[in-house]
Amino acid sequence: LTLELKRFGFTVTPAPSGRVAITAMEKENFDLVITDLKMEGIDGFEILQEAKRKLPESQVIVITGHGSIDSAVRAMKNGAFDYLTKPVEPEAILIAVNKALERKQLLKEVEHLRAQVRGKFSFENIIYASPAIHRVLELVRKVATADVSVLVSGESGTGKELIARAIHSTSMRKNHAFIPINCGALPEG
């Protein structure tokens, strides 16, 4: 497997045992971890758990010669990207590795875009001159860090959605979707 991956141009750090793999994960940041399931001492499930704990952004592919539906489900529930049974063709490995690395890259891009959106709708980007708005923003900053529901009301065009987005981008829910609702467009019933 090491030779095949190197042949395809990947940088590979082989680990002859689970203990060596965990030590390597403590010293280096890997984009991808490929582990066998059945090993002496530390098994593939422990490698998977340690990889998810030590390298949360890395992807994990589990390969086994003793595949079962139960172990596949367990591996996927614990965060494995893919589960392959031996013998595995080099092309299948290459496809799984490329998809796992593509997923890692997409997750990285999503986080980057989320950070940009949070920055765009931060309190610092709200422009105002009124002392009254300054007091409102101070109150909103306090509310944004609390785990409470907030109703923003006001006349049309006063910046309710801008305030709501600023609250959302600062809150504990910032990694979840923001869904604005225009109550004026809803029928009264």
Protein backbone atom coordinates (compact mmCIF):
# COMPACT_ATOMS: atom_id res chain seq x y z
CA LEU A 1 0.00 0.00 0.00
CA THR A 2 2.83 2.38 0.86
CA LEU A 3 4.56 1.66 -2.45
CA GLU A 4 1.33 2.10 -4.43
CA LEU A 5 0.51 5.43 -2.78
CA LYS A 6 4.06 6.68 -3.30
CA ARG A 7 3.80 5.62 -6.94
CA PHE A 8 0.72 7.84 -7.25
CA GLY A 9 2.70 10.77 -5.83
CA PHE A 10 1.57 10.82 -2.20
CA THR A 11 3.87 11.39 0.76
CA VAL A 12 3.42 8.36 3.00
CA THR A 13 4.48 7.64 6.57
CA PRO A 14 4.10 3.89 7.19
CA ALA A 15 3.44 2.63 10.73
CA PRO A 16 4.07 -1.07 11.43
CA SER A 17 1.81 -1.05 14.52
CA GLY A 18 -1.02 0.87 16.14
CA ARG A 19 1.29 2.26 18.81
CA VAL A 20 3.70 3.61 16.16
CA ALA A 21 0.74 5.16 14.32
CA ILE A 22 -0.51 6.96 17.43
CA THR A 23 2.99 8.26 18.16
CA ALA A 24 3.24 9.53 14.57
CA MET A 25 -0.13 11.31 14.92
CA GLU A 26 1.16 13.07 18.02
CA LYS A 27 4.19 14.38 16.13
CA GLU A 28 2.77 15.17 12.70
CA ASN A 29 -0.46 16.47 11.18
CA PHE A 30 -1.77 14.02 8.58
CA ASP A 31 -4.48 14.79 6.02
CA LEU A 32 -5.42 11.13 5.80
CA VAL A 33 -5.03 8.07 7.99
CA ILE A 34 -5.41 4.60 6.48
CA THR A 35 -5.65 1.82 9.04
CA ASP A 36 -6.17 -1.90 9.10
CA LEU A 37 -8.87 -3.06 11.48
CA LYS A 38 -7.32 -6.16 13.06
CA MET A 39 -3.89 -5.52 14.58
CA GLU A 40 -1.93 -6.66 17.62
CA GLY A 41 -2.39 -4.46 20.67
CA ILE A 42 -4.10 -1.33 19.38
CA ASP A 43 -6.76 -2.13 16.78
CA GLY A 44 -8.10 -0.03 13.91
CA PHE A 45 -11.05 1.28 15.94
CA GLU A 46 -8.64 2.73 18.49
CA ILE A 47 -6.58 4.28 15.66
CA LEU A 48 -9.79 5.77 14.27
CA GLN A 49 -10.74 7.25 17.65
CA GLU A 50 -7.26 8.64 18.24
CA ALA A 51 -7.13 10.13 14.73
CA LYS A 52 -10.48 11.85 15.27
CA ARG A 53 -9.31 13.14 18.66
CA LYS A 54 -5.77 14.22 17.72
CA LEU A 55 -6.38 15.19 14.07
CA PRO A 56 -10.07 16.15 13.86
CA GLU A 57 -9.75 17.50 10.31
CA SER A 58 -8.06 14.37 8.97
CA GLN A 59 -9.98 11.72 7.08
CA VAL A 60 -9.74 8.04 8.01
CA ILE A 61 -10.05 5.05 5.70
CA VAL A 62 -10.43 1.63 7.34
CA ILE A 63 -9.24 -1.44 5.43
CA THR A 64 -9.89 -4.95 6.67
CA GLY A 65 -9.67 -8.55 5.61
CA HIS A 66 -12.38 -9.43 8.16
CA GLY A 67 -15.18 -7.18 6.99
CA SER A 68 -18.64 -7.35 8.46
CA ILE A 69 -21.68 -5.11 8.36
CA ASP A 70 -21.37 -4.49 12.12
CA SER A 71 -17.74 -3.37 11.91
CA ALA A 72 -18.48 -1.22 8.84
CA VAL A 73 -21.36 0.51 10.63
CA ARG A 74 -19.25 0.98 13.75
CA ALA A 75 -16.37 2.46 11.73
CA MET A 76 -18.64 4.88 9.86
CA LYS A 77 -20.46 5.93 13.06
CA ASN A 78 -17.08 6.68 14.62
CA GLY A 79 -16.12 8.98 11.76
CA ALA A 80 -14.41 6.82 9.15
CA PHE A 81 -14.60 8.29 5.67
CA ASP A 82 -14.56 4.91 3.96
CA TYR A 83 -14.44 1.20 4.76
CA LEU A 84 -12.77 -1.16 2.30
CA THR A 85 -12.40 -4.94 2.42
CA LYS A 86 -9.31 -6.81 1.29
CA PRO A 87 -8.15 -7.55 -1.27
CA VAL A 88 -8.36 -3.94 -2.45
CA GLU A 89 -7.36 -3.03 -5.97
CA PRO A 90 -4.89 -0.12 -6.28
CA GLU A 91 -7.45 1.83 -8.32
CA ALA A 92 -10.04 1.48 -5.54
CA ILE A 93 -7.51 2.76 -3.00
CA LEU A 94 -6.65 5.68 -5.25
CA ILE A 95 -10.32 6.59 -5.66
CA ALA A 96 -10.96 6.38 -1.90
CA VAL A 97 -7.85 8.43 -1.09
CA ASN A 98 -8.68 11.12 -3.64
CA LYS A 99 -12.29 11.37 -2.44
CA ALA A 100 -11.19 11.58 1.20
CA LEU A 101 -8.67 14.32 0.43
CA GLU A 102 -11.27 16.14 -1.68
CA ARG A 103 -13.70 16.01 1.24
CA LYS A 104 -11.04 17.39 3.58
CA GLN A 105 -10.40 20.24 1.15
CA LEU A 106 -14.12 20.98 0.81
CA LEU A 107 -14.56 21.06 4.59
CA LYS A 108 -11.63 23.46 4.82
CA GLU A 109 -13.19 25.72 2.16
CA VAL A 110 -16.58 25.64 3.92
CA GLU A 111 -14.97 26.71 7.19
CA HIS A 112 -13.10 29.48 5.38
CA LEU A 113 -16.33 30.73 3.78
CA ARG A 114 -18.16 30.55 7.13
CA ALA A 115 -15.42 32.67 8.71
CA GLN A 116 -15.77 35.21 5.91
CA VAL A 117 -19.55 35.37 6.37
CA ARG A 118 -19.16 35.73 10.14
CA GLY A 119 -16.72 38.58 9.58
CA LYS A 120 -19.00 40.26 7.06
CA PHE A 121 -21.90 40.30 9.50
CA SER A 122 -19.94 41.16 12.63
CA PHE A 123 -20.87 44.08 14.85
CA GLU A 124 -17.79 45.97 13.65
CA ASN A 125 -19.31 46.19 10.17
CA ILE A 126 -22.47 47.95 11.35
CA ILE A 127 -22.09 51.65 10.63
CA TYR A 128 -23.98 54.10 12.83
CA ALA A 129 -23.72 57.58 14.33
CA SER A 130 -26.58 57.60 16.83
CA PRO A 131 -25.89 57.14 20.57
CA ALA A 132 -29.19 55.23 20.76
CA ILE A 133 -27.96 52.66 18.22
CA HIS A 134 -24.70 52.41 20.17
CA ARG A 135 -26.72 51.42 23.27
CA VAL A 136 -28.76 48.94 21.23
CA LEU A 137 -25.57 47.33 19.88
CA GLU A 138 -24.10 47.06 23.37
CA LEU A 139 -27.26 45.25 24.51
CA VAL A 140 -27.22 43.03 21.41
CA ARG A 141 -23.56 42.08 22.05
CA LYS A 142 -24.50 40.85 25.52
CA VAL A 143 -27.48 38.89 24.19
CA ALA A 144 -25.42 37.31 21.40
CA THR A 145 -23.24 35.36 23.83
CA ALA A 146 -26.19 34.07 25.90
CA ASP A 147 -28.10 30.89 25.09
CA VAL A 148 -31.47 32.59 24.62
CA SER A 149 -34.01 33.16 21.87
CA VAL A 150 -34.14 36.72 20.53
CA LEU A 151 -36.94 38.54 18.72
CA VAL A 152 -35.81 41.56 16.71
CA SER A 153 -38.67 43.86 15.79
CA GLY A 154 -38.94 47.26 14.20
CA GLU A 155 -40.17 49.13 11.20
CA SER A 156 -39.28 48.14 7.67
CA GLY A 157 -35.75 49.16 6.66
CA THR A 158 -34.39 49.70 10.18
CA GLY A 159 -31.77 46.93 9.93
CA LYS A 160 -33.46 44.09 11.80
CA GLU A 161 -31.91 41.40 9.60
CA LEU A 162 -28.47 43.02 9.91
CA ILE A 163 -28.77 42.92 13.71
CA ALA A 164 -30.07 39.33 13.60
CA ARG A 165 -27.14 38.26 11.41
CA ALA A 166 -24.68 39.99 13.76
CA ILE A 167 -26.21 38.15 16.72
CA HIS A 168 -26.05 34.84 14.84
CA SER A 169 -22.43 35.31 13.72
CA THR A 170 -21.37 35.92 17.34
CA SER A 171 -23.54 33.26 19.00
CA MET A 172 -22.89 29.63 19.87
CA ARG A 173 -25.05 28.75 16.85
CA LYS A 174 -22.75 30.48 14.36
CA ASN A 175 -21.85 27.20 12.63
CA HIS A 176 -25.50 26.44 11.92
CA ALA A 177 -27.72 27.88 9.21
CA PHE A 178 -29.14 31.39 9.51
CA ILE A 179 -32.66 31.47 8.08
CA PRO A 180 -34.25 34.93 7.90
CA ILE A 181 -38.06 35.03 7.89
CA ASN A 182 -39.92 38.03 6.53
CA CYS A 183 -42.96 38.03 8.81
CA GLY A 184 -44.61 40.73 6.65
CA ALA A 185 -44.75 38.27 3.76
CA LEU A 186 -46.56 35.62 5.84
CA PRO A 187 -50.36 35.48 5.72
CA GLU A 188 -52.00 36.49 8.98
CA GLY A 189 -53.63 33.06 9.48
